[in-house]
């Protein structure tokens, strides 16, 4: 695996992390606990819309249940990956489903030779913010379901 002279994530690293983030949005990965589990750090956590902090086990169960209940329709837009420090990448994007849009951020770390998401947060975009109307930018956190 190529590394930069500073130890910062390379363009190849950013591409791998981007592919991993997109994979977590697919029904194939969400419905496969082993595949999803390989992408989630053992200390994974997420801040949800309800204020509940999701841990690795609860998010794996939620994704598996979601995939079993029908097709997963989540699209990532404006996805950007940026190296923050050696072995650390920040991914930001908007997730779009038929029912809502959310601003998203994930912190990925290289652990045991593989990239894994360590932290994720989503913030629902209020309808007015999507239209550019009153309250633009307001929102609350949302679960990883988009």
C-alpha atoms as a PDB file:
ATOM      1  CA  UNK A   1       0.000   0.000   0.000  1.00  0.00           C
ATOM      2  CA  UNK A   2       1.614   3.279  -1.068  1.00  0.00           C
ATOM      3  CA  UNK A   3       2.154   5.868   1.618  1.00  0.00           C
ATOM      4  CA  UNK A   4       3.130   9.483   1.343  1.00  0.00           C
ATOM      5  CA  UNK A   5       6.449  10.679   2.691  1.00  0.00           C
ATOM      6  CA  UNK A   6       4.549  12.427   5.511  1.00  0.00           C
ATOM      7  CA  UNK A   7       2.449   9.370   6.367  1.00  0.00           C
ATOM      8  CA  UNK A   8      -0.677  11.280   5.343  1.00  0.00           C
ATOM      9  CA  UNK A   9      -3.333   9.345   3.414  1.00  0.00           C
ATOM     10  CA  UNK A  10      -2.546   9.163  -0.304  1.00  0.00           C
ATOM     11  CA  UNK A  11      -4.948   9.667  -3.191  1.00  0.00           C
ATOM     12  CA  UNK A  12      -5.220   5.861  -3.340  1.00  0.00           C
ATOM     13  CA  UNK A  13      -6.185   5.802   0.351  1.00  0.00           C
ATOM     14  CA  UNK A  14      -8.833   8.470  -0.236  1.00  0.00           C
ATOM     15  CA  UNK A  15     -10.252   6.465  -3.159  1.00  0.00           C
ATOM     16  CA  UNK A  16     -10.391   3.292  -1.034  1.00  0.00           C
ATOM     17  CA  UNK A  17     -12.139   5.089   1.827  1.00  0.00           C
ATOM     18  CA  UNK A  18     -14.601   6.695  -0.602  1.00  0.00           C
ATOM     19  CA  UNK A  19     -15.414   3.260  -2.038  1.00  0.00           C
ATOM     20  CA  UNK A  20     -15.867   1.858   1.486  1.00  0.00           C
ATOM     21  CA  UNK A  21     -18.207   4.705   2.493  1.00  0.00           C
ATOM     22  CA  UNK A  22     -20.312   4.178  -0.639  1.00  0.00           C
ATOM     23  CA  UNK A  23     -20.375   0.420   0.018  1.00  0.00           C
ATOM     24  CA  UNK A  24     -21.916   1.031   3.450  1.00  0.00           C
ATOM     25  CA  UNK A  25     -24.865   2.686   1.687  1.00  0.00           C
ATOM     26  CA  UNK A  26     -25.698  -0.418  -0.381  1.00  0.00           C
ATOM     27  CA  UNK A  27     -28.185  -3.097   0.502  1.00  0.00           C
ATOM     28  CA  UNK A  28     -25.627  -5.796  -0.336  1.00  0.00           C
ATOM     29  CA  UNK A  29     -23.240  -4.605   2.398  1.00  0.00           C
ATOM     30  CA  UNK A  30     -25.879  -3.443   4.872  1.00  0.00           C
ATOM     31  CA  UNK A  31     -27.550  -6.857   4.685  1.00  0.00           C
ATOM     32  CA  UNK A  32     -24.292  -8.762   5.145  1.00  0.00           C
ATOM     33  CA  UNK A  33     -23.175  -8.485   8.773  1.00  0.00           C
ATOM     34  CA  UNK A  34     -19.695  -9.854   7.994  1.00  0.00           C
ATOM     35  CA  UNK A  35     -19.043  -7.370   5.161  1.00  0.00           C
ATOM     36  CA  UNK A  36     -20.440  -4.427   7.111  1.00  0.00           C
ATOM     37  CA  UNK A  37     -18.565  -5.517  10.229  1.00  0.00           C
ATOM     38  CA  UNK A  38     -15.241  -5.441   8.393  1.00  0.00           C
ATOM     39  CA  UNK A  39     -15.841  -1.752   7.640  1.00  0.00           C
ATOM     40  CA  UNK A  40     -16.865  -0.720  11.174  1.00  0.00           C
ATOM     41  CA  UNK A  41     -14.150  -0.166  13.777  1.00  0.00           C
ATOM     42  CA  UNK A  42     -14.612  -2.158  17.004  1.00  0.00           C
ATOM     43  CA  UNK A  43     -15.134   1.181  18.824  1.00  0.00           C
ATOM     44  CA  UNK A  44     -17.540   2.585  16.190  1.00  0.00           C
ATOM     45  CA  UNK A  45     -20.181   5.013  17.378  1.00  0.00           C
ATOM     46  CA  UNK A  46     -22.731   7.281  15.775  1.00  0.00           C
ATOM     47  CA  UNK A  47     -24.767  10.201  17.040  1.00  0.00           C
ATOM     48  CA  UNK A  48     -28.368   9.711  15.907  1.00  0.00           C
ATOM     49  CA  UNK A  49     -31.235  12.146  15.426  1.00  0.00           C
ATOM     50  CA  UNK A  50     -32.874  10.999  18.639  1.00  0.00           C
ATOM     51  CA  UNK A  51     -29.767  11.831  20.645  1.00  0.00           C
ATOM     52  CA  UNK A  52     -29.050   8.134  21.091  1.00  0.00           C
ATOM     53  CA  UNK A  53     -25.456   7.066  20.565  1.00  0.00           C
ATOM     54  CA  UNK A  54     -25.376   3.966  18.385  1.00  0.00           C
ATOM     55  CA  UNK A  55     -22.602   1.453  18.957  1.00  0.00           C
ATOM     56  CA  UNK A  56     -21.163  -1.052  16.522  1.00  0.00           C
ATOM     57  CA  UNK A  57     -23.526  -3.906  17.413  1.00  0.00           C
ATOM     58  CA  UNK A  58     -26.703  -1.806  17.338  1.00  0.00           C
ATOM     59  CA  UNK A  59     -25.862  -0.228  13.968  1.00  0.00           C
ATOM     60  CA  UNK A  60     -24.978  -3.624  12.450  1.00  0.00           C
ATOM     61  CA  UNK A  61     -28.362  -4.950  13.609  1.00  0.00           C
ATOM     62  CA  UNK A  62     -30.203  -1.882  12.288  1.00  0.00           C
ATOM     63  CA  UNK A  63     -28.525  -2.147   8.852  1.00  0.00           C
ATOM     64  CA  UNK A  64     -29.232  -5.878   8.651  1.00  0.00           C
ATOM     65  CA  UNK A  65     -32.910  -5.346   9.575  1.00  0.00           C
ATOM     66  CA  UNK A  66     -33.209  -2.483   7.090  1.00  0.00           C
ATOM     67  CA  UNK A  67     -31.786  -4.540   4.218  1.00  0.00           C
ATOM     68  CA  UNK A  68     -34.076  -7.475   5.094  1.00  0.00           C
ATOM     69  CA  UNK A  69     -37.169  -5.245   4.985  1.00  0.00           C
ATOM     70  CA  UNK A  70     -36.744  -4.277   1.315  1.00  0.00           C
ATOM     71  CA  UNK A  71     -34.546  -2.498  -1.197  1.00  0.00           C
ATOM     72  CA  UNK A  72     -32.089   0.059   0.192  1.00  0.00           C
ATOM     73  CA  UNK A  73     -32.253   3.317  -1.776  1.00  0.00           C
ATOM     74  CA  UNK A  74     -29.517   5.648  -0.499  1.00  0.00           C
ATOM     75  CA  UNK A  75     -27.474   7.880  -2.791  1.00  0.00           C
ATOM     76  CA  UNK A  76     -24.358   9.876  -1.827  1.00  0.00           C
ATOM     77  CA  UNK A  77     -23.932  13.330  -3.366  1.00  0.00           C
ATOM     78  CA  UNK A  78     -21.041  15.793  -3.102  1.00  0.00           C
ATOM     79  CA  UNK A  79     -18.841  13.182  -1.438  1.00  0.00           C
ATOM     80  CA  UNK A  80     -15.400  14.491  -0.455  1.00  0.00           C
ATOM     81  CA  UNK A  81     -12.611  12.630   1.345  1.00  0.00           C
ATOM     82  CA  UNK A  82      -9.811  14.550   3.065  1.00  0.00           C
ATOM     83  CA  UNK A  83      -6.753  13.321   4.933  1.00  0.00           C
ATOM     84  CA  UNK A  84      -6.702  14.745   8.464  1.00  0.00           C
ATOM     85  CA  UNK A  85      -3.617  13.036   9.905  1.00  0.00           C
ATOM     86  CA  UNK A  86      -1.563   9.923   9.242  1.00  0.00           C
ATOM     87  CA  UNK A  87      -4.071   7.054   9.073  1.00  0.00           C
ATOM     88  CA  UNK A  88      -7.135   9.317   9.451  1.00  0.00           C
ATOM     89  CA  UNK A  89      -9.620  10.408   6.750  1.00  0.00           C
ATOM     90  CA  UNK A  90     -12.734  12.578   7.000  1.00  0.00           C
ATOM     91  CA  UNK A  91     -15.540  11.871   4.530  1.00  0.00           C
ATOM     92  CA  UNK A  92     -18.360  14.372   4.082  1.00  0.00           C
ATOM     93  CA  UNK A  93     -21.373  14.089   1.792  1.00  0.00           C
ATOM     94  CA  UNK A  94     -25.123  14.430   1.517  1.00  0.00           C
ATOM     95  CA  UNK A  95     -27.167  11.245   1.624  1.00  0.00           C
ATOM     96  CA  UNK A  96     -30.384  11.258  -0.357  1.00  0.00           C
ATOM     97  CA  UNK A  97     -33.278   8.829  -0.026  1.00  0.00           C
ATOM     98  CA  UNK A  98     -36.804   9.078  -1.424  1.00  0.00           C
ATOM     99  CA  UNK A  99     -37.898  10.626   1.886  1.00  0.00           C
ATOM    100  CA  UNK A 100     -35.038  12.900   3.016  1.00  0.00           C
ATOM    101  CA  UNK A 101     -31.621  14.443   2.606  1.00  0.00           C
ATOM    102  CA  UNK A 102     -28.979  14.566   5.334  1.00  0.00           C
ATOM    103  CA  UNK A 103     -25.518  16.070   5.719  1.00  0.00           C
ATOM    104  CA  UNK A 104     -23.090  13.322   6.709  1.00  0.00           C
ATOM    105  CA  UNK A 105     -19.587  13.007   8.106  1.00  0.00           C
ATOM    106  CA  UNK A 106     -17.512   9.921   8.836  1.00  0.00           C
ATOM    107  CA  UNK A 107     -14.082   9.595  10.390  1.00  0.00           C
ATOM    108  CA  UNK A 108     -12.138   6.633   8.998  1.00  0.00           C
ATOM    109  CA  UNK A 109      -8.995   5.216  10.588  1.00  0.00           C
ATOM    110  CA  UNK A 110      -6.474   2.708   9.315  1.00  0.00           C
ATOM    111  CA  UNK A 111      -6.602  -0.153  11.816  1.00  0.00           C
ATOM    112  CA  UNK A 112      -4.936  -3.517  11.413  1.00  0.00           C
ATOM    113  CA  UNK A 113      -4.011  -2.702   7.825  1.00  0.00           C
ATOM    114  CA  UNK A 114      -7.563  -1.857   6.728  1.00  0.00           C
ATOM    115  CA  UNK A 115      -9.688   1.282   6.645  1.00  0.00           C
ATOM    116  CA  UNK A 116     -12.592   1.302   9.094  1.00  0.00           C
ATOM    117  CA  UNK A 117     -15.155   3.929  10.036  1.00  0.00           C
ATOM    118  CA  UNK A 118     -14.673   4.983  13.669  1.00  0.00           C
ATOM    119  CA  UNK A 119     -17.327   7.713  13.967  1.00  0.00           C
ATOM    120  CA  UNK A 120     -20.340   8.806  11.923  1.00  0.00           C
ATOM    121  CA  UNK A 121     -22.842  11.620  12.277  1.00  0.00           C
ATOM    122  CA  UNK A 122     -25.794  12.731  10.196  1.00  0.00           C
ATOM    123  CA  UNK A 123     -27.871  15.884  10.309  1.00  0.00           C
ATOM    124  CA  UNK A 124     -31.217  15.947   8.529  1.00  0.00           C
ATOM    125  CA  UNK A 125     -31.643  18.851   6.124  1.00  0.00           C
ATOM    126  CA  UNK A 126     -34.903  20.659   6.867  1.00  0.00           C
ATOM    127  CA  UNK A 127     -37.290  20.982   3.910  1.00  0.00           C
ATOM    128  CA  UNK A 128     -36.815  24.740   3.931  1.00  0.00           C
ATOM    129  CA  UNK A 129     -33.049  24.325   3.749  1.00  0.00           C
ATOM    130  CA  UNK A 130     -33.401  22.160   0.644  1.00  0.00           C
ATOM    131  CA  UNK A 131     -35.527  24.886  -0.974  1.00  0.00           C
ATOM    132  CA  UNK A 132     -33.317  27.681   0.355  1.00  0.00           C
ATOM    133  CA  UNK A 133     -36.248  29.113   2.309  1.00  0.00           C
ATOM    134  CA  UNK A 134     -36.647  30.166   5.939  1.00  0.00           C
ATOM    135  CA  UNK A 135     -34.758  28.026   8.389  1.00  0.00           C
ATOM    136  CA  UNK A 136     -32.172  26.984   5.820  1.00  0.00           C
ATOM    137  CA  UNK A 137     -29.443  25.033   7.536  1.00  0.00           C
ATOM    138  CA  UNK A 138     -31.619  23.936  10.447  1.00  0.00           C
ATOM    139  CA  UNK A 139     -31.789  20.250  11.193  1.00  0.00           C
ATOM    140  CA  UNK A 140     -31.276  17.488  13.682  1.00  0.00           C
ATOM    141  CA  UNK A 141     -29.018  14.453  13.733  1.00  0.00           C
ATOM    142  CA  UNK A 142     -30.115  11.329  11.888  1.00  0.00           C
ATOM    143  CA  UNK A 143     -29.310   7.676  11.990  1.00  0.00           C
ATOM    144  CA  UNK A 144     -27.103   6.113   9.339  1.00  0.00           C
ATOM    145  CA  UNK A 145     -30.160   5.047   7.379  1.00  0.00           C
ATOM    146  CA  UNK A 146     -29.854   8.411   5.615  1.00  0.00           C
END
